[in-house]
Each structure stands twice: as C-alpha cells, then as structure tokens.
Amino acid sequence: MNPFRFPIARLALTSAAVLVATCVSRAAPVVGQPAPDFALTDINGQSHRLSEYKGRIVVLEWTNPECPIVRKHYESGNLPSLQKAAVADGTVWLSINSGHPGSQGDFDGAAVQSWLRSHSAAPTAYFRDLDGRVGRLYGATATPNMFVIAADGTLAYAGAIDSIASANPSDIARATNYVRAALDALKAGRAVAVTASRPYGCSVKY
C-alpha cells in the first residue's frame, strides 16, 4: 500500500500523525446504496441510531482533535462554519472518533466539550467509537473522513472534505469543498457531481 503524500506547510507533523489513507479490512459502503445503520451513545449520554434520521440529510465526520489536518479545518473555522450552515438548514451532523482508548485525540466527554466550544463547533452530536465498530463498518481510514447520506438513507458522498490534500490552511479557499457541494446538490434535488474521493489526513487510530 502506498501512502497518500502531499506537500506540508506550516504544520509540523509527528510520526503519530502520519498522513495516510489506511486500508480497512472490510468493504466500505457503496455510494448509491443504503448507508449502514448503527447506534452509538454520544458524549452527553444520549443514544442515537442512524435510521432514526431517515428523511433528513446526515453528515458523518470522522475526527481526531489532535490530528494536524483536523486542526487545520477547525482552527481555520472551515469545519465549524460548514457544520453551522448544515445544521441550520436541517442537516444532522454526527462527529465520530473511532480511536482506541488512550489513543491520540481520545478526549473524554468534558475535554471534547471544551474543544468544541473553543472552536465554535456545532455538530448535532459527538461520539467516541472506542471499539472502532462503526468506523470499520464505514471503512473510515482518515481524519477527517466524510460521508454524506441523502434523506432517503442512501450514501451520496464518501471521501475527503475537499479537493486539496494539504496541511496548509491557505489552500482551503481555493479547494473545492466536496461536502458543501454534495449538501447543496441534495438540497436542490440535483445529482451529486463528485460522489467519492480519497480521504486525506491522519490514520484512524483503531
């Protein structure tokens, strides 16, 4: 397997934050097919089941607060602003950390809340998928790894947040944001133009 490599600017990456798209042993869900159902309990103790949100667009965001690429998109305001716009428009936004206990970015509930507040983030819910069950179900390989699910429950997009695999925040403005484009298309009743891409970021810490 070849690592997904790209230019790095401004951010020092450690060996614990290698930018790769790691293969997962089981098949990932297929765009155009029903998104796999799952149930998780969020950091506030509330249970959520994906199928409960049928009839609404859902975004799944695999995250790791200590990953440099996640930091790029949060510290720049890119992901928080996208979350706010999507949620205000009726979309359900579920952030999931599938890192094993004690792994990089495995914050407890209080630390997650503090991190979300410090970045003005606005997901509908945040989950610690500590056994990696849901991450493996979706074949999530990187943080961030994004999935957009249409209101009918089918997977409409899977992959990177945008088109420029870089750690440089200045690249955000000139990148095509695939998640925003998919949400706009679904809301307008149009076909999603780019339905899949290769995610970039830190490996999910299963």
Protein backbone atom coordinates (compact mmCIF):
# COMPACT_ATOMS: atom_id res chain seq x y z
CA MET A 1 0.00 0.00 0.00
CA ASN A 2 1.39 3.41 -0.94
CA PRO A 3 0.87 6.33 1.48
CA PHE A 4 -1.10 9.29 0.17
CA ARG A 5 1.53 12.00 0.19
CA PHE A 6 1.23 15.74 -0.37
CA PRO A 7 3.04 19.00 0.43
CA ILE A 8 3.17 20.06 4.06
CA ALA A 9 3.34 23.71 5.07
CA ARG A 10 3.36 25.48 8.43
CA LEU A 11 2.35 22.43 10.48
CA ALA A 12 4.94 20.11 11.96
CA LEU A 13 3.72 16.54 11.70
CA THR A 14 4.90 13.87 14.11
CA SER A 15 5.18 10.17 13.36
CA ALA A 16 1.96 9.71 15.31
CA ALA A 17 0.16 11.89 12.75
CA VAL A 18 1.28 10.30 9.51
CA LEU A 19 -0.90 11.48 6.64
CA VAL A 20 -2.18 8.30 5.08
CA ALA A 21 -5.33 6.68 3.85
CA THR A 22 -5.02 3.29 5.53
CA CYS A 23 -6.82 0.29 4.10
CA VAL A 24 -9.52 -1.23 6.29
CA SER A 25 -10.03 -4.97 6.16
CA ARG A 26 -13.73 -4.95 5.41
CA ALA A 27 -15.58 -3.46 2.45
CA ALA A 28 -16.68 0.14 2.73
CA PRO A 29 -20.30 1.10 1.98
CA VAL A 30 -21.14 1.81 -1.65
CA VAL A 31 -22.32 5.20 -2.88
CA GLY A 32 -25.89 4.91 -4.12
CA GLN A 33 -26.66 2.05 -1.74
CA PRO A 34 -28.29 2.29 1.72
CA ALA A 35 -25.90 3.64 4.35
CA PRO A 36 -25.22 1.01 7.04
CA ASP A 37 -27.30 1.55 10.15
CA PHE A 38 -25.62 1.88 13.54
CA ALA A 39 -26.31 3.02 17.08
CA LEU A 40 -23.94 4.99 19.31
CA THR A 41 -24.20 6.92 22.56
CA ASP A 42 -22.93 10.48 22.40
CA ILE A 43 -20.71 12.23 24.94
CA ASN A 44 -23.84 13.53 26.71
CA GLY A 45 -25.18 10.01 27.26
CA GLN A 46 -27.87 10.22 24.57
CA SER A 47 -28.37 7.25 22.26
CA HIS A 48 -28.62 7.84 18.51
CA ARG A 49 -29.49 5.44 15.71
CA LEU A 50 -28.79 6.46 12.13
CA SER A 51 -32.09 5.06 10.85
CA GLU A 52 -33.95 7.44 13.17
CA TYR A 53 -32.82 10.27 10.93
CA LYS A 54 -34.26 8.90 7.70
CA GLY A 55 -36.00 11.76 5.95
CA ARG A 56 -33.13 14.14 6.79
CA ILE A 57 -29.71 14.57 5.24
CA VAL A 58 -26.95 13.27 7.53
CA VAL A 59 -23.22 14.03 7.53
CA LEU A 60 -20.81 11.64 9.23
CA GLU A 61 -17.45 13.20 10.09
CA TRP A 62 -14.62 11.02 11.38
CA THR A 63 -12.46 13.22 13.57
CA ASN A 64 -9.47 13.38 15.91
CA PRO A 65 -8.95 16.69 17.75
CA GLU A 66 -5.16 16.26 17.79
CA CYS A 67 -4.72 15.40 14.11
CA PRO A 68 -2.97 18.29 12.29
CA ILE A 69 -5.36 18.07 9.33
CA VAL A 70 -8.40 18.14 11.60
CA ARG A 71 -6.82 21.11 13.37
CA LYS A 72 -6.34 22.81 10.01
CA HIS A 73 -10.04 22.61 9.25
CA TYR A 74 -11.20 23.53 12.77
CA GLU A 75 -8.72 26.28 13.64
CA SER A 76 -9.39 27.97 10.29
CA GLY A 77 -13.12 27.86 11.01
CA ASN A 78 -13.75 25.79 7.88
CA LEU A 79 -15.44 22.80 9.52
CA PRO A 80 -17.31 24.72 12.24
CA SER A 81 -18.81 27.11 9.69
CA LEU A 82 -19.85 24.20 7.48
CA GLN A 83 -21.41 22.43 10.47
CA LYS A 84 -23.37 25.52 11.48
CA ALA A 85 -24.71 26.14 7.98
CA ALA A 86 -25.66 22.50 7.50
CA VAL A 87 -27.37 22.11 10.88
CA ALA A 88 -29.24 25.41 10.42
CA ASP A 89 -30.53 24.01 7.13
CA GLY A 90 -31.90 20.88 8.84
CA THR A 91 -28.97 18.51 8.27
CA VAL A 92 -27.91 16.13 11.05
CA TRP A 93 -24.13 16.29 11.66
CA LEU A 94 -22.57 13.40 13.56
CA SER A 95 -18.89 13.62 14.54
CA ILE A 96 -17.24 10.29 15.36
CA ASN A 97 -13.86 9.49 16.88
CA SER A 98 -13.01 5.81 16.37
CA GLY A 99 -9.67 5.93 18.16
CA HIS A 100 -8.99 3.24 20.75
CA PRO A 101 -8.90 4.23 24.43
CA GLY A 102 -5.86 6.37 25.18
CA SER A 103 -5.02 6.98 21.53
CA GLN A 104 -4.13 10.35 20.03
CA GLY A 105 -7.17 12.62 20.28
CA ASP A 106 -9.21 10.31 22.54
CA PHE A 107 -10.61 13.07 24.73
CA ASP A 108 -13.13 12.37 27.47
CA GLY A 109 -16.53 14.00 27.32
CA ALA A 110 -15.54 17.13 29.22
CA ALA A 111 -12.44 17.66 27.09
CA VAL A 112 -14.45 17.16 23.91
CA GLN A 113 -16.98 19.76 25.05
CA SER A 114 -14.19 22.22 25.79
CA TRP A 115 -12.58 21.57 22.39
CA LEU A 116 -15.87 22.03 20.55
CA ARG A 117 -16.59 25.29 22.39
CA SER A 118 -13.09 26.64 21.76
CA HIS A 119 -13.63 26.22 18.02
CA SER A 120 -17.30 27.28 17.96
CA ALA A 121 -18.07 23.85 16.52
CA ALA A 122 -21.69 22.80 16.10
CA PRO A 123 -22.16 19.09 15.36
CA THR A 124 -25.52 17.59 16.25
CA ALA A 125 -23.67 15.01 18.35
CA TYR A 126 -20.12 13.77 19.06
CA PHE A 127 -19.37 10.09 19.65
CA ARG A 128 -16.43 8.09 21.00
CA ASP A 129 -16.49 4.86 18.99
CA LEU A 130 -13.86 3.31 21.26
CA ASP A 131 -14.03 -0.22 19.85
CA GLY A 132 -13.92 1.09 16.27
CA ARG A 133 -17.05 -0.82 15.33
CA VAL A 134 -18.74 1.99 13.42
CA GLY A 135 -15.52 3.24 11.89
CA ARG A 136 -14.82 -0.19 10.45
CA LEU A 137 -18.44 -0.53 9.34
CA TYR A 138 -17.93 2.55 7.17
CA GLY A 139 -14.35 1.79 6.19
CA ALA A 140 -13.21 5.11 7.67
CA THR A 141 -9.48 5.47 7.07
CA ALA A 142 -8.53 9.05 7.85
CA THR A 143 -9.39 12.06 9.94
CA PRO A 144 -11.28 13.80 8.58
CA ASN A 145 -13.20 11.21 6.54
CA MET A 146 -16.60 12.45 5.40
CA PHE A 147 -19.83 10.69 4.41
CA VAL A 148 -23.00 12.43 3.22
CA ILE A 149 -26.22 10.44 3.44
CA ALA A 150 -29.28 11.53 1.46
CA ALA A 151 -32.71 11.90 3.05
CA ASP A 152 -33.77 8.52 1.63
CA GLY A 153 -30.95 6.83 3.56
CA THR A 154 -28.62 6.18 0.62
CA LEU A 155 -24.97 7.13 0.68
CA ALA A 156 -24.48 10.16 -1.59
CA TYR A 157 -20.81 11.00 -0.99
CA ALA A 158 -17.78 9.40 0.65
CA GLY A 159 -14.23 10.70 0.93
CA ALA A 160 -12.23 13.83 1.65
CA ILE A 161 -13.63 17.11 2.84
CA ASP A 162 -12.13 18.92 -0.14
CA SER A 163 -10.00 18.66 -3.25
CA ILE A 164 -6.58 19.79 -1.99
CA ALA A 165 -4.74 17.27 0.18
CA SER A 166 -2.65 19.74 2.11
CA ALA A 167 -1.90 20.76 5.67
CA ASN A 168 -1.74 24.43 4.65
CA PRO A 169 -4.81 26.42 5.77
CA SER A 170 -4.33 28.85 2.88
CA ASP A 171 -5.35 26.06 0.50
CA ILE A 172 -8.88 25.92 1.90
CA ALA A 173 -10.12 28.96 -0.02
CA ARG A 174 -9.09 27.57 -3.41
CA ALA A 175 -10.16 23.98 -2.79
CA THR A 176 -13.48 22.50 -3.90
CA ASN A 177 -15.36 21.56 -0.74
CA TYR A 178 -16.90 18.22 -1.70
CA VAL A 179 -19.13 18.06 1.37
CA ARG A 180 -20.64 21.51 0.79
CA ALA A 181 -21.14 20.68 -2.89
CA ALA A 182 -22.92 17.41 -2.03
CA LEU A 183 -25.18 19.13 0.51
CA ASP A 184 -26.06 21.89 -1.95
CA ALA A 185 -26.88 19.36 -4.67
CA LEU A 186 -29.07 17.24 -2.41
CA LYS A 187 -30.97 20.30 -1.17
CA ALA A 188 -31.56 21.43 -4.75
CA GLY A 189 -32.66 17.98 -5.92
CA ARG A 190 -29.66 17.65 -8.23
CA ALA A 191 -27.31 14.72 -8.69
CA VAL A 192 -24.11 14.96 -6.64
CA ALA A 193 -21.32 15.67 -9.13
CA VAL A 194 -18.41 14.16 -7.17
CA THR A 195 -19.63 11.14 -5.22
CA ALA A 196 -16.29 9.74 -3.99
CA SER A 197 -12.73 10.85 -3.37
CA ARG A 198 -9.71 9.61 -1.48
CA PRO A 199 -9.74 10.93 2.10
CA TYR A 200 -6.58 12.57 3.42
CA GLY A 201 -5.43 13.15 6.96
CA CYS A 202 -4.19 11.14 9.91
CA SER A 203 -4.92 7.44 10.06
CA VAL A 204 -7.88 6.46 12.24
CA LYS A 205 -6.37 5.16 15.49
CA TYR A 206 -8.17 1.80 15.70
